Amino acid sequence: MIRTHRAAAALLATALLAPATTACASAEGAPAGGAHIGRTSAAAPSDAGRLFVPQPTGRWAVGRDTLRLTDEKRRDPWVPSAGPRRLMASVFYPARHGGRGDTARYLSVEEAELLLKGLKRDASFPAARLASVRTNARTGARPAPGKHPLVVLSPGFSLHRATLTTLAEELASHGYVVALLDHAYESFGTAFTGPAGRRTLTCVACGIVEDAPTDAGEKRRLARAARDRAADISFTVDRLTGAGRDARSGTGDRSARWAALIDVRRIGAAGHSLGGNAAAVAAGTDRRIRAAANLDGTFFASVPRSGLGRPTLMLGTRKDHTPHAADTTWPRTWQRLHGWKRWLTVTGSGHFTFIDLPILGGQAGVTDPGAPLSGKRSGEITTRYVTAFFDRQLRALPRPLLDGPSPENPEVDFHAP
């Protein structure tokens, strides 16, 4: 089984379940296909015990919209019979303070229930608690004036896009439009909505990858998945900037409104795990994407030659991504890159340090013994360094944080092998 899929189950079971739970969960047995999961009857937790996304630090309030995007020019790579490639996108954006609007939902109860069912923990943890994580973004908020850089985010394999909400809100508060994607059939459970209704798709891709007869076969399938996601990132840029839009976009595509808010000269991509690999590939296949950040993702797919001069941030765990660690794709990629680049690792981190899960686990009083860095520091380090990277590369702002080690962040090591 691939590391990203097994680790997702173990981390979620550790971080989100009761502290007494010690056994590692397995994601095996997660339902495949487009099963519909009924809403849980569990009561919503009290606000006192409610988990929350940290308050972003930028000057702007944060708004959020949700889009269904359909690429009629490509068939779904995992379920060709399902028709065209589909994406769900949460679009976070800098917004004016004040005004009305409901706080955006973190996950639906349906999606949370399917996630917990895949982990075989649906009987011991209420889906309503995970679904009720409090966010800061508001739906219907008035956008901030002017044009803004765009960053497209792709989550880890099998994980819902909501797991990158902290980073997305932070970037938006600093003046970025952020498109946070779910790729069809690549998560434990994502609700796809549109004119025909609502259908929840599960991780068909997980089974296909894990059924590969050899480790090399798994890696080849993941490399293909990274390249497909890179195409998804480019397609999202097309839709949000107005490039290539035609009548086949579908009635569920409300992306046209964003073109007026986005500066097409300042576009970046980032992602966690497989999503980080996809971001780096996208920077090599799409000249509009000027910078890419990979958060602890193996480079299953090589960065195309045309992307080797793009500014690249590699931010990972000390255990797996120092120059002499087992993942040899990082030193190999580092040697090929010839543009601005940084290779950083974080002491005490784990594969999920760079997403929401340790943050939420820390609020619940639970940490992963294999990754003792606190959830609070996990979120601070990730948002500070990724925001600084895009500030420097897309806005040409001086960011000394990226120049070398700092006493304020002693967990972060710089590598230049």
Protein backbone atom coordinates (compact mmCIF):
# COMPACT_ATOMS: atom_id res chain seq x y z
CA MET A 1 0.00 0.00 0.00
CA ILE A 2 1.29 3.45 -0.82
CA ARG A 3 2.52 5.58 2.07
CA THR A 4 0.13 8.48 1.52
CA HIS A 5 -2.94 6.28 1.76
CA ARG A 6 -1.87 4.28 4.81
CA ALA A 7 -0.49 7.34 6.60
CA ALA A 8 -3.73 9.23 6.01
CA ALA A 9 -5.66 6.59 7.87
CA ALA A 10 -3.17 6.39 10.73
CA LEU A 11 -2.85 10.12 11.20
CA LEU A 12 -6.56 10.80 11.13
CA ALA A 13 -7.23 8.01 13.58
CA THR A 14 -4.57 9.43 15.92
CA ALA A 15 -5.36 13.13 15.60
CA LEU A 16 -9.12 13.20 15.44
CA LEU A 17 -10.26 10.30 17.58
CA ALA A 18 -10.43 10.03 21.34
CA PRO A 19 -7.04 10.09 23.13
CA ALA A 20 -7.57 6.53 24.33
CA THR A 21 -7.43 5.26 20.77
CA THR A 22 -3.97 3.84 20.04
CA ALA A 23 -4.40 1.35 17.22
CA CYS A 24 -3.48 2.49 13.70
CA ALA A 25 -6.43 2.49 11.35
CA SER A 26 -6.25 1.12 7.83
CA ALA A 27 -7.94 2.66 4.84
CA GLU A 28 -8.46 -0.75 3.28
CA GLY A 29 -12.08 -1.54 2.71
CA ALA A 30 -13.07 2.04 1.88
CA PRO A 31 -16.04 1.92 -0.49
CA ALA A 32 -15.32 2.55 -4.16
CA GLY A 33 -17.55 4.21 -6.69
CA GLY A 34 -20.14 6.88 -6.15
CA ALA A 35 -21.91 5.64 -3.04
CA HIS A 36 -24.24 8.05 -1.29
CA ILE A 37 -23.82 8.19 2.47
CA GLY A 38 -26.78 9.32 4.56
CA ARG A 39 -26.40 12.15 7.02
CA THR A 40 -25.48 11.16 10.54
CA SER A 41 -28.02 11.62 13.29
CA ALA A 42 -25.35 12.61 15.82
CA ALA A 43 -25.99 15.94 17.50
CA ALA A 44 -23.68 18.83 16.71
CA PRO A 45 -21.01 19.33 19.39
CA SER A 46 -21.17 22.29 21.74
CA ASP A 47 -19.18 25.35 20.72
CA ALA A 48 -16.88 24.90 23.73
CA GLY A 49 -15.48 21.68 22.29
CA ARG A 50 -15.61 22.77 18.67
CA LEU A 51 -12.48 22.47 16.55
CA PHE A 52 -11.49 25.49 14.47
CA VAL A 53 -9.26 26.75 11.68
CA PRO A 54 -6.79 29.31 13.11
CA GLN A 55 -7.49 32.97 12.50
CA PRO A 56 -5.52 34.12 9.44
CA THR A 57 -2.95 36.88 9.97
CA GLY A 58 -3.32 39.00 6.83
CA ARG A 59 -5.00 42.38 6.47
CA TRP A 60 -8.02 41.15 4.54
CA ALA A 61 -11.10 39.25 5.58
CA VAL A 62 -11.63 36.00 3.66
CA GLY A 63 -14.48 35.03 1.36
CA ARG A 64 -15.20 31.66 -0.19
CA ASP A 65 -17.14 30.34 -3.15
CA THR A 66 -17.55 26.75 -4.35
CA LEU A 67 -17.36 25.78 -8.01
CA ARG A 68 -17.92 22.60 -9.98
CA LEU A 69 -15.61 22.52 -13.00
CA THR A 70 -15.88 20.09 -15.91
CA ASP A 71 -13.16 19.60 -18.52
CA GLU A 72 -15.05 18.34 -21.55
CA LYS A 73 -11.80 17.80 -23.45
CA ARG A 74 -10.56 15.03 -21.13
CA ARG A 75 -12.17 11.84 -19.87
CA ASP A 76 -11.84 10.84 -16.26
CA PRO A 77 -8.58 8.83 -15.99
CA TRP A 78 -9.87 6.51 -13.23
CA VAL A 79 -13.45 5.89 -14.35
CA PRO A 80 -13.61 6.61 -18.11
CA SER A 81 -17.26 5.56 -18.20
CA ALA A 82 -18.07 8.50 -15.89
CA GLY A 83 -17.41 10.91 -18.74
CA PRO A 84 -15.40 14.15 -18.60
CA ARG A 85 -12.87 15.02 -15.92
CA ARG A 86 -14.54 16.82 -13.01
CA LEU A 87 -13.19 18.97 -10.22
CA MET A 88 -14.63 20.67 -7.16
CA ALA A 89 -12.97 23.94 -6.24
CA SER A 90 -13.22 26.05 -3.11
CA VAL A 91 -12.21 29.55 -4.18
CA PHE A 92 -10.90 31.64 -1.27
CA TYR A 93 -10.37 35.34 -1.88
CA PRO A 94 -9.42 38.56 -0.08
CA ALA A 95 -12.60 40.26 1.04
CA ARG A 96 -13.68 43.55 2.56
CA HIS A 97 -14.26 43.58 6.28
CA GLY A 98 -17.81 43.89 7.48
CA GLY A 99 -20.84 42.98 5.47
CA ARG A 100 -22.96 39.89 5.72
CA GLY A 101 -22.39 36.27 4.87
CA ASP A 102 -22.46 32.90 6.56
CA THR A 103 -19.27 31.21 7.71
CA ALA A 104 -18.26 28.64 5.10
CA ARG A 105 -18.67 24.97 5.93
CA TYR A 106 -15.49 22.95 6.49
CA LEU A 107 -16.89 19.60 5.37
CA SER A 108 -20.40 18.33 4.89
CA VAL A 109 -21.60 15.73 7.37
CA GLU A 110 -21.89 13.37 4.41
CA GLU A 111 -18.23 13.80 3.48
CA ALA A 112 -17.08 13.54 7.09
CA GLU A 113 -19.09 10.37 7.57
CA LEU A 114 -17.59 8.79 4.46
CA LEU A 115 -14.09 9.76 5.58
CA LEU A 116 -14.62 8.17 8.99
CA LYS A 117 -16.24 5.12 7.40
CA GLY A 118 -13.15 4.64 5.25
CA LEU A 119 -11.07 4.72 8.41
CA LYS A 120 -13.42 2.23 10.14
CA ARG A 121 -14.02 4.80 12.87
CA ASP A 122 -17.54 5.88 12.01
CA ALA A 123 -18.92 4.04 15.05
CA SER A 124 -16.55 5.71 17.53
CA PHE A 125 -16.31 9.32 16.35
CA PRO A 126 -19.29 11.50 15.38
CA ALA A 127 -19.12 12.82 11.84
CA ALA A 128 -20.86 15.96 13.07
CA ARG A 129 -17.79 16.99 15.08
CA LEU A 130 -15.47 16.81 12.11
CA ALA A 131 -18.03 18.47 9.85
CA SER A 132 -18.52 21.34 12.29
CA VAL A 133 -14.92 22.61 12.30
CA ARG A 134 -15.25 26.40 12.44
CA THR A 135 -13.71 28.29 9.53
CA ASN A 136 -13.03 32.01 9.03
CA ALA A 137 -14.12 32.41 5.40
CA ARG A 138 -17.58 33.76 4.65
CA THR A 139 -19.77 32.98 1.70
CA GLY A 140 -20.98 35.95 -0.28
CA ALA A 141 -18.33 38.31 1.11
CA ARG A 142 -17.52 41.34 -1.06
CA PRO A 143 -14.12 40.88 -2.78
CA ALA A 144 -11.28 43.28 -2.02
CA PRO A 145 -10.64 45.81 -4.79
CA GLY A 146 -8.00 45.32 -7.47
CA LYS A 147 -6.39 42.31 -9.14
CA HIS A 148 -4.70 39.64 -7.08
CA PRO A 149 -2.23 36.78 -7.58
CA LEU A 150 -3.74 33.32 -8.01
CA VAL A 151 -2.48 30.19 -6.24
CA VAL A 152 -3.95 26.77 -7.08
CA LEU A 153 -3.72 24.14 -4.31
CA SER A 154 -3.96 20.36 -4.67
CA PRO A 155 -4.38 18.08 -1.62
CA GLY A 156 -2.70 14.81 -0.73
CA PHE A 157 -3.83 11.59 -2.37
CA SER A 158 -7.05 10.29 -0.74
CA LEU A 159 -7.53 13.50 1.27
CA HIS A 160 -10.38 15.97 0.91
CA ARG A 161 -9.47 19.49 -0.18
CA ALA A 162 -10.70 20.82 3.17
CA THR A 163 -7.47 19.58 4.78
CA LEU A 164 -5.65 22.57 3.24
CA THR A 165 -8.12 25.16 4.52
CA THR A 166 -5.70 26.80 6.98
CA LEU A 167 -3.18 27.52 4.22
CA ALA A 168 -5.86 28.65 1.79
CA GLU A 169 -7.38 31.11 4.26
CA GLU A 170 -3.98 32.47 5.24
CA LEU A 171 -3.01 33.15 1.63
CA ALA A 172 -6.37 34.78 0.91
CA SER A 173 -6.00 37.06 3.93
CA HIS A 174 -2.70 38.26 2.44
CA GLY A 175 -4.31 39.17 -0.87
CA TYR A 176 -4.29 35.96 -2.93
CA VAL A 177 -7.13 34.31 -4.78
CA VAL A 178 -6.78 30.61 -3.92
CA ALA A 179 -8.39 27.73 -5.81
CA LEU A 180 -8.38 24.63 -3.60
CA LEU A 181 -9.18 21.51 -5.65
CA ASP A 182 -10.72 18.10 -5.23
CA HIS A 183 -9.97 15.70 -8.09
CA ALA A 184 -12.77 13.24 -8.92
CA TYR A 185 -12.35 9.72 -7.49
CA GLU A 186 -9.13 10.62 -5.65
CA SER A 187 -10.43 11.31 -2.13
CA PHE A 188 -12.09 9.24 0.57
CA GLY A 189 -15.27 11.16 -0.21
CA THR A 190 -16.13 14.39 -2.02
CA ALA A 191 -19.59 15.69 -2.83
CA PHE A 192 -19.90 16.84 -6.44
CA THR A 193 -22.83 19.18 -6.89
CA GLY A 194 -24.42 20.60 -9.99
CA PRO A 195 -27.67 21.08 -11.91
CA ALA A 196 -28.30 17.32 -11.91
CA GLY A 197 -28.05 17.15 -8.13
CA ARG A 198 -25.46 15.95 -5.67
CA ARG A 199 -23.33 12.81 -5.78
CA THR A 200 -20.54 11.77 -3.47
CA LEU A 201 -17.55 10.16 -5.16
CA THR A 202 -15.08 7.98 -3.26
CA CYS A 203 -11.47 6.95 -3.85
CA VAL A 204 -11.60 4.61 -6.80
CA ALA A 205 -8.03 5.71 -7.55
CA CYS A 206 -6.82 4.34 -4.20
CA GLY A 207 -7.81 0.81 -5.13
CA ILE A 208 -6.37 1.10 -8.63
CA VAL A 209 -3.00 2.27 -7.30
CA GLU A 210 -2.86 -0.30 -4.52
CA ASP A 211 -3.76 -3.12 -6.91
CA ALA A 212 -0.60 -2.55 -8.91
CA PRO A 213 1.36 -5.83 -8.83
CA THR A 214 4.69 -4.21 -7.92
CA ASP A 215 6.05 -1.19 -6.08
CA ALA A 216 7.32 0.12 -9.40
CA GLY A 217 3.83 -0.26 -10.80
CA GLU A 218 2.38 1.82 -7.94
CA LYS A 219 4.92 4.53 -8.59
CA ARG A 220 4.08 4.61 -12.29
CA ARG A 221 0.39 4.98 -11.52
CA LEU A 222 1.10 7.78 -9.06
CA ALA A 223 3.30 9.50 -11.63
CA ARG A 224 0.39 9.38 -14.05
CA ALA A 225 -1.90 10.74 -11.34
CA ALA A 226 0.48 13.66 -10.70
CA ARG A 227 0.54 14.51 -14.40
CA ASP A 228 -3.27 14.31 -14.59
CA ARG A 229 -3.50 16.65 -11.60
CA ALA A 230 -1.08 19.05 -13.29
CA ALA A 231 -3.51 19.16 -16.21
CA ASP A 232 -6.31 19.82 -13.71
CA ILE A 233 -4.35 22.77 -12.31
CA SER A 234 -3.87 24.25 -15.78
CA PHE A 235 -7.54 23.74 -16.58
CA THR A 236 -8.47 25.54 -13.36
CA VAL A 237 -6.25 28.46 -14.37
CA ASP A 238 -8.04 28.52 -17.73
CA ARG A 239 -11.44 28.68 -16.10
CA LEU A 240 -10.62 31.28 -13.46
CA THR A 241 -8.79 33.59 -15.84
CA GLY A 242 -11.25 33.21 -18.72
CA ALA A 243 -8.82 31.45 -21.06
CA GLY A 244 -10.39 28.85 -23.32
CA ARG A 245 -13.88 29.13 -21.83
CA ASP A 246 -16.63 27.93 -24.14
CA ALA A 247 -20.21 26.76 -24.04
CA ARG A 248 -19.11 23.28 -22.98
CA SER A 249 -18.08 24.55 -19.56
CA GLY A 250 -21.45 23.48 -18.19
CA THR A 251 -24.15 25.36 -16.36
CA GLY A 252 -22.51 24.57 -13.03
CA ASP A 253 -19.41 26.58 -13.96
CA ARG A 254 -19.63 30.01 -12.29
CA SER A 255 -15.93 30.69 -12.74
CA ALA A 256 -16.29 33.67 -15.12
CA ARG A 257 -16.63 36.17 -12.26
CA TRP A 258 -13.07 35.54 -11.07
CA ALA A 259 -11.24 36.77 -14.18
CA ALA A 260 -11.72 40.38 -13.09
CA LEU A 261 -10.00 39.68 -9.74
CA ILE A 262 -6.95 37.75 -10.96
CA ASP A 263 -3.65 39.11 -12.23
CA VAL A 264 -2.71 36.61 -14.95
CA ARG A 265 0.97 37.59 -14.67
CA ARG A 266 1.15 36.29 -11.09
CA ILE A 267 0.07 32.66 -10.82
CA GLY A 268 1.52 29.92 -8.62
CA ALA A 269 0.70 26.35 -7.58
CA ALA A 270 1.26 24.36 -4.42
CA GLY A 271 0.14 21.11 -2.88
CA HIS A 272 0.63 18.50 -0.23
CA SER A 273 2.09 15.07 -1.00
CA LEU A 274 0.92 14.02 -4.49
CA GLY A 275 -0.54 17.50 -4.87
CA GLY A 276 2.92 18.99 -4.34
CA ASN A 277 4.36 16.81 -7.09
CA ALA A 278 1.50 17.91 -9.35
CA ALA A 279 2.17 21.58 -8.62
CA ALA A 280 5.82 21.24 -9.65
CA VAL A 281 4.85 19.39 -12.83
CA ALA A 282 2.25 22.06 -13.65
CA ALA A 283 4.92 24.76 -13.41
CA GLY A 284 6.82 22.85 -16.08
CA THR A 285 3.90 22.26 -18.42
CA ASP A 286 2.14 25.62 -18.11
CA ARG A 287 4.24 28.75 -18.61
CA ARG A 288 1.64 30.87 -16.81
CA ILE A 289 2.51 29.15 -13.51
CA ARG A 290 5.55 31.04 -12.29
CA ALA A 291 6.32 29.28 -9.01
CA ALA A 292 5.55 25.98 -7.26
CA ALA A 293 5.68 24.70 -3.67
CA ASN A 294 5.84 20.99 -2.84
CA LEU A 295 4.83 20.13 0.74
CA ASP A 296 6.38 16.76 1.54
CA GLY A 297 5.50 15.14 -1.77
CA THR A 298 7.60 12.48 -3.49
CA PHE A 299 8.41 13.44 -7.09
CA PHE A 300 6.80 10.38 -8.67
CA ALA A 301 6.54 12.39 -11.90
CA SER A 302 9.68 14.26 -12.89
CA VAL A 303 9.54 18.01 -13.33
CA PRO A 304 9.58 18.70 -17.09
CA ARG A 305 12.72 20.33 -18.42
CA SER A 306 10.83 23.53 -19.21
CA GLY A 307 9.98 23.90 -15.53
CA LEU A 308 13.45 23.42 -14.05
CA GLY A 309 14.09 27.16 -13.99
CA ARG A 310 10.87 27.97 -12.14
CA PRO A 311 11.20 29.08 -8.51
CA THR A 312 10.54 26.03 -6.35
CA LEU A 313 10.01 25.55 -2.62
CA MET A 314 10.50 22.04 -1.21
CA LEU A 315 9.23 21.89 2.37
CA GLY A 316 9.26 18.49 4.05
CA THR A 317 9.91 16.27 7.04
CA ARG A 318 13.33 15.81 8.56
CA LYS A 319 12.79 12.06 8.67
CA ASP A 320 11.99 11.51 5.00
CA HIS A 321 13.34 14.52 3.13
CA THR A 322 16.82 15.42 4.25
CA PRO A 323 19.44 14.98 1.50
CA HIS A 324 20.36 11.46 2.66
CA ALA A 325 16.85 10.21 3.47
CA ALA A 326 15.15 7.33 1.71
CA ASP A 327 13.24 9.47 -0.78
CA THR A 328 15.86 9.90 -3.48
CA THR A 329 13.51 11.91 -5.70
CA TRP A 330 14.22 15.05 -3.68
CA PRO A 331 18.02 15.20 -4.17
CA ARG A 332 17.57 14.14 -7.79
CA THR A 333 15.06 16.91 -8.43
CA TRP A 334 17.15 19.45 -6.50
CA GLN A 335 20.17 18.82 -8.73
CA ARG A 336 18.06 19.34 -11.86
CA LEU A 337 16.50 22.62 -10.69
CA HIS A 338 18.49 25.65 -11.87
CA GLY A 339 16.24 28.55 -10.88
CA TRP A 340 15.55 30.07 -7.45
CA LYS A 341 15.07 27.17 -5.04
CA ARG A 342 14.86 26.33 -1.37
CA TRP A 343 14.95 22.94 0.36
CA LEU A 344 13.63 23.10 3.92
CA THR A 345 12.87 20.41 6.47
CA VAL A 346 11.07 20.68 9.79
CA THR A 347 12.25 18.93 12.97
CA GLY A 348 9.55 16.97 14.76
CA SER A 349 7.29 16.97 11.73
CA GLY A 350 5.32 14.19 10.06
CA HIS A 351 3.84 13.78 6.62
CA PHE A 352 0.70 15.66 7.70
CA THR A 353 2.42 18.51 9.52
CA PHE A 354 1.72 20.75 6.54
CA ILE A 355 -2.09 20.41 6.53
CA ASP A 356 -4.94 20.91 8.99
CA LEU A 357 -4.94 17.54 10.72
CA PRO A 358 -2.26 18.18 13.39
CA ILE A 359 -3.82 21.58 14.09
CA LEU A 360 -7.20 20.01 14.78
CA GLY A 361 -5.63 17.15 16.68
CA GLY A 362 -3.75 19.59 18.90
CA GLN A 363 -7.00 21.35 19.74
CA ALA A 364 -8.42 17.99 20.76
CA GLY A 365 -5.42 17.41 23.03
CA VAL A 366 -3.91 14.67 20.87
CA THR A 367 -0.55 14.55 19.10
CA ASP A 368 1.13 11.92 16.94
CA PRO A 369 4.05 10.41 18.93
CA GLY A 370 5.96 10.05 15.68
CA ALA A 371 5.56 13.75 14.91
CA PRO A 372 5.79 15.66 18.21
CA LEU A 373 5.76 19.15 16.70
CA SER A 374 2.66 20.87 18.08
CA GLY A 375 -0.32 21.51 15.87
CA LYS A 376 0.00 25.23 16.51
CA ARG A 377 3.61 25.31 15.31
CA SER A 378 2.79 23.05 12.38
CA GLY A 379 0.29 25.58 11.12
CA GLU A 380 2.51 28.59 11.81
CA ILE A 381 5.54 27.16 10.02
CA THR A 382 3.60 26.04 6.98
CA THR A 383 1.68 29.26 6.47
CA ARG A 384 4.67 31.54 7.15
CA TYR A 385 7.05 29.85 4.73
CA VAL A 386 4.56 29.19 1.93
CA THR A 387 3.18 32.73 2.11
CA ALA A 388 6.70 34.17 2.16
CA PHE A 389 7.58 32.07 -0.90
CA PHE A 390 4.69 33.34 -2.98
CA ASP A 391 5.17 36.91 -1.72
CA ARG A 392 8.73 36.78 -2.97
CA GLN A 393 8.10 35.04 -6.28
CA LEU A 394 4.75 36.50 -7.34
CA ARG A 395 5.00 39.95 -5.75
CA ALA A 396 8.76 40.55 -5.64
CA LEU A 397 8.52 41.39 -1.94
CA PRO A 398 11.63 40.97 0.23
CA ARG A 399 11.19 38.00 2.53
CA PRO A 400 14.31 37.44 4.70
CA LEU A 401 12.60 34.40 6.20
CA LEU A 402 13.68 32.50 3.09
CA ASP A 403 17.33 33.60 3.24
CA GLY A 404 18.42 31.12 5.92
CA PRO A 405 17.77 29.74 9.41
CA SER A 406 16.14 32.06 11.91
CA PRO A 407 15.97 31.97 15.73
CA GLU A 408 12.21 32.46 15.53
CA ASN A 409 11.87 29.16 13.67
CA PRO A 410 14.51 26.81 15.12
CA GLU A 411 12.67 23.74 13.80
CA VAL A 412 13.34 24.71 10.17
CA ASP A 413 16.60 23.57 8.54
CA PHE A 414 17.90 24.77 5.17
CA HIS A 415 19.64 22.29 2.85
CA ALA A 416 21.87 22.99 -0.16
CA PRO A 417 23.55 19.68 -1.06
